[in-house]
Amino acid sequence: MGVEVKKGPGGAPMGTDSVSCLVSGGMHSSVLAWEAVLHGFRVRLVHSRSSDEGLRSVARLYSELSHRADPRGLSLEVLEGGSVVGALYKYARRSSDPVFAAFTPTTAAAARRLPSVLAPLFLLPEERFQAEYESLGIKGVDSVERWAAKRGEEVRVRTFGGKVADVSGVLDGLRWQTLRIQPALTS
């Protein structure tokens, strides 16, 4: 499936099927989210915050996608507090949408701990991932920290979406909710 993206209103067409894409702000997850948009999905970007740079990278990703596709089909959820895998585990358990993730060899072990996560296989050579990522014009970060989770740890969720925004607009527009992680997870 292909689509030609042109400047102006509309951008990439979106269907009615929604997916959640776990994004770190790095190359693989950013390309995964862009590919989901190109394939017509309404996309919810889900980021478990472990650093300010990671959050800025995901805000840049949202901003870029909001200019390339209908922003009404795009949203961002930022999970804060607790561990990365604990927050993502809680999110994946409550998600009614399919959850897509792009795991590198260093994070593949985490995929086994997350329920209901689909790791789509894109038969793209690494050079193609790099080219697609560079075409997005964003600078990402590749870091994963604090993978262990504890029973009852609190996770706050900030949400944003449905509009075209620059990076500052995304960061300033995030709204808060609170979740509690119930299951005990270990590293």
C-alpha atoms as a PDB file:
ATOM      1  CA  MET A   1       0.000   0.000   0.000  1.00  0.00           C
ATOM      2  CA  GLY A   2       1.324   3.432  -0.772  1.00  0.00           C
ATOM      3  CA  VAL A   3       0.271   7.003  -0.388  1.00  0.00           C
ATOM      4  CA  GLU A   4       1.631  10.244  -1.756  1.00  0.00           C
ATOM      5  CA  VAL A   5       1.899  12.859   0.982  1.00  0.00           C
ATOM      6  CA  LYS A   6       1.584  16.429  -0.244  1.00  0.00           C
ATOM      7  CA  LYS A   7       1.714  19.722   1.584  1.00  0.00           C
ATOM      8  CA  GLY A   8      -1.675  21.210   2.351  1.00  0.00           C
ATOM      9  CA  PRO A   9      -4.834  20.091   4.148  1.00  0.00           C
ATOM     10  CA  GLY A  10      -5.631  16.445   4.609  1.00  0.00           C
ATOM     11  CA  GLY A  11      -2.304  14.662   4.548  1.00  0.00           C
ATOM     12  CA  ALA A  12      -2.235  10.867   4.685  1.00  0.00           C
ATOM     13  CA  PRO A  13      -5.752   9.370   4.713  1.00  0.00           C
ATOM     14  CA  MET A  14      -6.899   7.625   7.907  1.00  0.00           C
ATOM     15  CA  GLY A  15      -9.491   4.889   8.245  1.00  0.00           C
ATOM     16  CA  THR A  16     -11.596   3.972  11.253  1.00  0.00           C
ATOM     17  CA  ASP A  17      -9.325   1.272  12.736  1.00  0.00           C
ATOM     18  CA  SER A  18      -7.237   2.468  15.682  1.00  0.00           C
ATOM     19  CA  VAL A  19      -3.935   1.176  17.018  1.00  0.00           C
ATOM     20  CA  SER A  20      -1.714   2.157  19.885  1.00  0.00           C
ATOM     21  CA  CYS A  21       1.986   2.426  19.036  1.00  0.00           C
ATOM     22  CA  LEU A  22       4.498   2.186  21.875  1.00  0.00           C
ATOM     23  CA  VAL A  23       7.084   4.855  21.069  1.00  0.00           C
ATOM     24  CA  SER A  24      10.402   5.723  22.678  1.00  0.00           C
ATOM     25  CA  GLY A  25      11.193   8.587  20.332  1.00  0.00           C
ATOM     26  CA  GLY A  26      13.924   6.536  18.697  1.00  0.00           C
ATOM     27  CA  MET A  27      14.246   5.406  15.104  1.00  0.00           C
ATOM     28  CA  HIS A  28      12.407   2.064  15.075  1.00  0.00           C
ATOM     29  CA  SER A  29       9.330   3.109  17.038  1.00  0.00           C
ATOM     30  CA  SER A  30       9.044   6.383  15.110  1.00  0.00           C
ATOM     31  CA  VAL A  31       9.124   4.537  11.774  1.00  0.00           C
ATOM     32  CA  LEU A  32       6.589   2.016  13.126  1.00  0.00           C
ATOM     33  CA  ALA A  33       4.177   4.863  13.993  1.00  0.00           C
ATOM     34  CA  TRP A  34       4.672   6.508  10.592  1.00  0.00           C
ATOM     35  CA  GLU A  35       4.067   3.181   8.822  1.00  0.00           C
ATOM     36  CA  ALA A  36       0.846   2.709  10.844  1.00  0.00           C
ATOM     37  CA  VAL A  37      -0.309   6.165   9.683  1.00  0.00           C
ATOM     38  CA  LEU A  38       0.597   5.344   6.091  1.00  0.00           C
ATOM     39  CA  HIS A  39      -1.417   2.134   6.321  1.00  0.00           C
ATOM     40  CA  GLY A  40      -4.520   4.130   7.271  1.00  0.00           C
ATOM     41  CA  PHE A  41      -4.691   3.560  11.025  1.00  0.00           C
ATOM     42  CA  ARG A  42      -5.808   6.153  13.553  1.00  0.00           C
ATOM     43  CA  VAL A  43      -2.745   6.200  15.832  1.00  0.00           C
ATOM     44  CA  ARG A  44      -2.353   6.707  19.561  1.00  0.00           C
ATOM     45  CA  LEU A  45       1.320   7.238  20.417  1.00  0.00           C
ATOM     46  CA  VAL A  46       2.087   5.783  23.871  1.00  0.00           C
ATOM     47  CA  HIS A  47       5.340   6.837  25.527  1.00  0.00           C
ATOM     48  CA  SER A  48       6.634   5.724  28.920  1.00  0.00           C
ATOM     49  CA  ARG A  49       8.748   8.651  29.998  1.00  0.00           C
ATOM     50  CA  SER A  50      12.213   7.885  31.244  1.00  0.00           C
ATOM     51  CA  SER A  51      13.927  11.159  30.277  1.00  0.00           C
ATOM     52  CA  ASP A  52      13.186  14.708  29.159  1.00  0.00           C
ATOM     53  CA  GLU A  53      14.976  14.093  25.850  1.00  0.00           C
ATOM     54  CA  GLY A  54      12.791  11.058  25.135  1.00  0.00           C
ATOM     55  CA  LEU A  55       9.663  13.124  25.784  1.00  0.00           C
ATOM     56  CA  ARG A  56      10.886  15.914  23.486  1.00  0.00           C
ATOM     57  CA  SER A  57      11.602  13.322  20.767  1.00  0.00           C
ATOM     58  CA  VAL A  58       8.071  11.931  21.035  1.00  0.00           C
ATOM     59  CA  ALA A  59       6.646  15.483  20.973  1.00  0.00           C
ATOM     60  CA  ARG A  60       8.628  16.074  17.754  1.00  0.00           C
ATOM     61  CA  LEU A  61       7.210  12.830  16.349  1.00  0.00           C
ATOM     62  CA  TYR A  62       3.626  13.869  17.187  1.00  0.00           C
ATOM     63  CA  SER A  63       4.224  17.308  15.695  1.00  0.00           C
ATOM     64  CA  GLU A  64       5.606  15.871  12.465  1.00  0.00           C
ATOM     65  CA  LEU A  65       2.807  13.309  12.118  1.00  0.00           C
ATOM     66  CA  SER A  66       0.162  15.956  12.869  1.00  0.00           C
ATOM     67  CA  HIS A  67       1.403  17.920   9.868  1.00  0.00           C
ATOM     68  CA  ARG A  68       1.455  14.844   7.589  1.00  0.00           C
ATOM     69  CA  ALA A  69      -1.904  13.267   8.473  1.00  0.00           C
ATOM     70  CA  ASP A  70      -5.337  14.233   9.760  1.00  0.00           C
ATOM     71  CA  PRO A  71      -4.573  15.235  13.370  1.00  0.00           C
ATOM     72  CA  ARG A  72      -8.072  14.185  14.482  1.00  0.00           C
ATOM     73  CA  GLY A  73      -6.841  10.592  14.125  1.00  0.00           C
ATOM     74  CA  LEU A  74      -3.697  11.155  16.156  1.00  0.00           C
ATOM     75  CA  SER A  75      -3.186  11.323  19.914  1.00  0.00           C
ATOM     76  CA  LEU A  76      -0.375  11.024  22.453  1.00  0.00           C
ATOM     77  CA  GLU A  77      -0.374   9.436  25.903  1.00  0.00           C
ATOM     78  CA  VAL A  78       2.668   9.949  28.115  1.00  0.00           C
ATOM     79  CA  LEU A  79       2.995   7.517  31.036  1.00  0.00           C
ATOM     80  CA  GLU A  80       5.025   8.841  33.960  1.00  0.00           C
ATOM     81  CA  GLY A  81       6.074   7.309  37.236  1.00  0.00           C
ATOM     82  CA  GLY A  82       7.088   3.798  38.084  1.00  0.00           C
ATOM     83  CA  SER A  83       9.053   1.716  35.633  1.00  0.00           C
ATOM     84  CA  VAL A  84       8.945   1.697  31.860  1.00  0.00           C
ATOM     85  CA  VAL A  85       7.704  -1.893  31.572  1.00  0.00           C
ATOM     86  CA  GLY A  86       5.300  -1.503  34.493  1.00  0.00           C
ATOM     87  CA  ALA A  87       3.626   1.495  32.899  1.00  0.00           C
ATOM     88  CA  LEU A  88       3.490  -0.169  29.480  1.00  0.00           C
ATOM     89  CA  TYR A  89       2.132  -3.387  31.040  1.00  0.00           C
ATOM     90  CA  LYS A  90      -0.720  -1.473  32.680  1.00  0.00           C
ATOM     91  CA  TYR A  91      -1.450   0.359  29.451  1.00  0.00           C
ATOM     92  CA  ALA A  92      -1.425  -2.809  27.294  1.00  0.00           C
ATOM     93  CA  ARG A  93      -3.783  -4.611  29.702  1.00  0.00           C
ATOM     94  CA  ARG A  94      -6.403  -1.849  29.539  1.00  0.00           C
ATOM     95  CA  SER A  95      -6.087  -1.046  25.831  1.00  0.00           C
ATOM     96  CA  SER A  96      -9.028  -1.968  23.634  1.00  0.00           C
ATOM     97  CA  ASP A  97      -6.966  -1.243  20.499  1.00  0.00           C
ATOM     98  CA  PRO A  98      -4.220  -3.466  19.098  1.00  0.00           C
ATOM     99  CA  VAL A  99      -0.861  -2.405  20.525  1.00  0.00           C
ATOM    100  CA  PHE A 100       2.067  -2.177  18.102  1.00  0.00           C
ATOM    101  CA  ALA A 101       5.681  -2.023  19.203  1.00  0.00           C
ATOM    102  CA  ALA A 102       9.049  -2.091  17.487  1.00  0.00           C
ATOM    103  CA  PHE A 103      11.575  -3.962  19.569  1.00  0.00           C
ATOM    104  CA  THR A 104      15.289  -3.964  18.947  1.00  0.00           C
ATOM    105  CA  PRO A 105      17.439  -6.911  20.061  1.00  0.00           C
ATOM    106  CA  THR A 106      18.215  -5.086  23.330  1.00  0.00           C
ATOM    107  CA  THR A 107      14.518  -4.574  24.188  1.00  0.00           C
ATOM    108  CA  ALA A 108      13.055  -7.800  22.737  1.00  0.00           C
ATOM    109  CA  ALA A 109      13.058  -9.518  26.137  1.00  0.00           C
ATOM    110  CA  ALA A 110      10.645  -6.866  27.404  1.00  0.00           C
ATOM    111  CA  ALA A 111       8.135  -7.824  24.697  1.00  0.00           C
ATOM    112  CA  ARG A 112       7.589 -11.192  26.365  1.00  0.00           C
ATOM    113  CA  ARG A 113       6.486  -9.417  29.567  1.00  0.00           C
ATOM    114  CA  LEU A 114       3.886  -7.240  27.881  1.00  0.00           C
ATOM    115  CA  PRO A 115       0.442  -8.753  27.212  1.00  0.00           C
ATOM    116  CA  SER A 116      -1.439  -8.083  23.990  1.00  0.00           C
ATOM    117  CA  VAL A 117       1.492  -6.434  22.238  1.00  0.00           C
ATOM    118  CA  LEU A 118       1.875  -7.063  18.542  1.00  0.00           C
ATOM    119  CA  ALA A 119       5.364  -6.490  17.228  1.00  0.00           C
ATOM    120  CA  PRO A 120       4.717  -6.088  13.518  1.00  0.00           C
ATOM    121  CA  LEU A 121       7.425  -7.498  11.343  1.00  0.00           C
ATOM    122  CA  PHE A 122       8.465  -5.014   8.728  1.00  0.00           C
ATOM    123  CA  LEU A 123      10.739  -6.703   6.259  1.00  0.00           C
ATOM    124  CA  LEU A 124      12.850  -3.620   5.855  1.00  0.00           C
ATOM    125  CA  PRO A 125      16.614  -3.582   5.913  1.00  0.00           C
ATOM    126  CA  GLU A 126      18.131  -1.339   8.557  1.00  0.00           C
ATOM    127  CA  GLU A 127      19.108   1.152   5.844  1.00  0.00           C
ATOM    128  CA  ARG A 128      15.424   1.521   4.895  1.00  0.00           C
ATOM    129  CA  PHE A 129      14.477   2.146   8.542  1.00  0.00           C
ATOM    130  CA  GLN A 130      17.197   4.810   8.632  1.00  0.00           C
ATOM    131  CA  ALA A 131      15.981   6.414   5.379  1.00  0.00           C
ATOM    132  CA  GLU A 132      12.331   6.487   6.541  1.00  0.00           C
ATOM    133  CA  TYR A 133      13.392   7.923   9.894  1.00  0.00           C
ATOM    134  CA  GLU A 134      15.483  10.629   8.244  1.00  0.00           C
ATOM    135  CA  SER A 135      12.524  11.491   5.972  1.00  0.00           C
ATOM    136  CA  LEU A 136      10.505  12.313   9.102  1.00  0.00           C
ATOM    137  CA  GLY A 137      13.011  15.041   9.937  1.00  0.00           C
ATOM    138  CA  ILE A 138      13.018  14.407  13.687  1.00  0.00           C
ATOM    139  CA  LYS A 139      15.841  13.723  16.098  1.00  0.00           C
ATOM    140  CA  GLY A 140      15.201  10.822  18.430  1.00  0.00           C
ATOM    141  CA  VAL A 141      16.710   9.147  21.428  1.00  0.00           C
ATOM    142  CA  ASP A 142      17.463   5.466  22.010  1.00  0.00           C
ATOM    143  CA  SER A 143      17.426   4.733  25.717  1.00  0.00           C
ATOM    144  CA  VAL A 144      15.491   2.375  27.951  1.00  0.00           C
ATOM    145  CA  GLU A 145      15.725   2.707  31.707  1.00  0.00           C
ATOM    146  CA  ARG A 146      14.055   1.321  34.835  1.00  0.00           C
ATOM    147  CA  TRP A 147      12.468  -1.835  33.390  1.00  0.00           C
ATOM    148  CA  ALA A 148      11.573  -3.374  36.763  1.00  0.00           C
ATOM    149  CA  ALA A 149       8.125  -2.673  38.236  1.00  0.00           C
ATOM    150  CA  LYS A 150       6.788  -2.824  41.794  1.00  0.00           C
ATOM    151  CA  ARG A 151       3.299  -3.723  43.017  1.00  0.00           C
ATOM    152  CA  GLY A 152       1.030  -0.737  43.426  1.00  0.00           C
ATOM    153  CA  GLU A 153       3.354   1.805  41.870  1.00  0.00           C
ATOM    154  CA  GLU A 154       1.548   4.870  40.622  1.00  0.00           C
ATOM    155  CA  VAL A 155       1.611   5.833  36.971  1.00  0.00           C
ATOM    156  CA  ARG A 156       0.356   9.217  35.813  1.00  0.00           C
ATOM    157  CA  VAL A 157      -0.867   9.597  32.259  1.00  0.00           C
ATOM    158  CA  ARG A 158      -0.718  12.836  30.286  1.00  0.00           C
ATOM    159  CA  THR A 159      -2.738  13.048  27.095  1.00  0.00           C
ATOM    160  CA  PHE A 160      -2.771  15.286  24.041  1.00  0.00           C
ATOM    161  CA  GLY A 161      -4.211  14.969  20.583  1.00  0.00           C
ATOM    162  CA  GLY A 162      -6.556  15.803  17.793  1.00  0.00           C
ATOM    163  CA  LYS A 163      -4.832  18.907  16.525  1.00  0.00           C
ATOM    164  CA  VAL A 164      -1.862  20.107  14.554  1.00  0.00           C
ATOM    165  CA  ALA A 165       0.825  21.251  16.951  1.00  0.00           C
ATOM    166  CA  ASP A 166       4.461  22.176  17.149  1.00  0.00           C
ATOM    167  CA  VAL A 167       6.696  20.634  19.813  1.00  0.00           C
ATOM    168  CA  SER A 168       5.968  23.370  22.380  1.00  0.00           C
ATOM    169  CA  GLY A 169       2.228  23.026  21.788  1.00  0.00           C
ATOM    170  CA  VAL A 170       2.425  19.282  22.434  1.00  0.00           C
ATOM    171  CA  LEU A 171       4.500  19.629  25.602  1.00  0.00           C
ATOM    172  CA  ASP A 172       2.386  22.489  26.976  1.00  0.00           C
ATOM    173  CA  GLY A 173      -0.926  20.824  26.078  1.00  0.00           C
ATOM    174  CA  LEU A 174      -0.492  17.510  27.920  1.00  0.00           C
ATOM    175  CA  ARG A 175      -3.323  16.858  30.471  1.00  0.00           C
ATOM    176  CA  TRP A 176      -3.065  14.579  33.566  1.00  0.00           C
ATOM    177  CA  GLN A 177      -4.844  11.365  34.701  1.00  0.00           C
ATOM    178  CA  THR A 178      -3.676   8.767  37.287  1.00  0.00           C
ATOM    179  CA  LEU A 179      -3.476   4.941  37.087  1.00  0.00           C
ATOM    180  CA  ARG A 180      -2.274   2.352  39.619  1.00  0.00           C
ATOM    181  CA  ILE A 181      -0.263  -0.656  38.550  1.00  0.00           C
ATOM    182  CA  GLN A 182      -1.671  -3.767  40.183  1.00  0.00           C
ATOM    183  CA  PRO A 183       0.412  -6.761  39.069  1.00  0.00           C
ATOM    184  CA  ALA A 184       3.841  -7.361  40.533  1.00  0.00           C
ATOM    185  CA  LEU A 185       6.522  -7.468  37.853  1.00  0.00           C
ATOM    186  CA  THR A 186      10.194  -8.157  38.184  1.00  0.00           C
ATOM    187  CA  SER A 187      13.104  -7.387  35.925  1.00  0.00           C
END
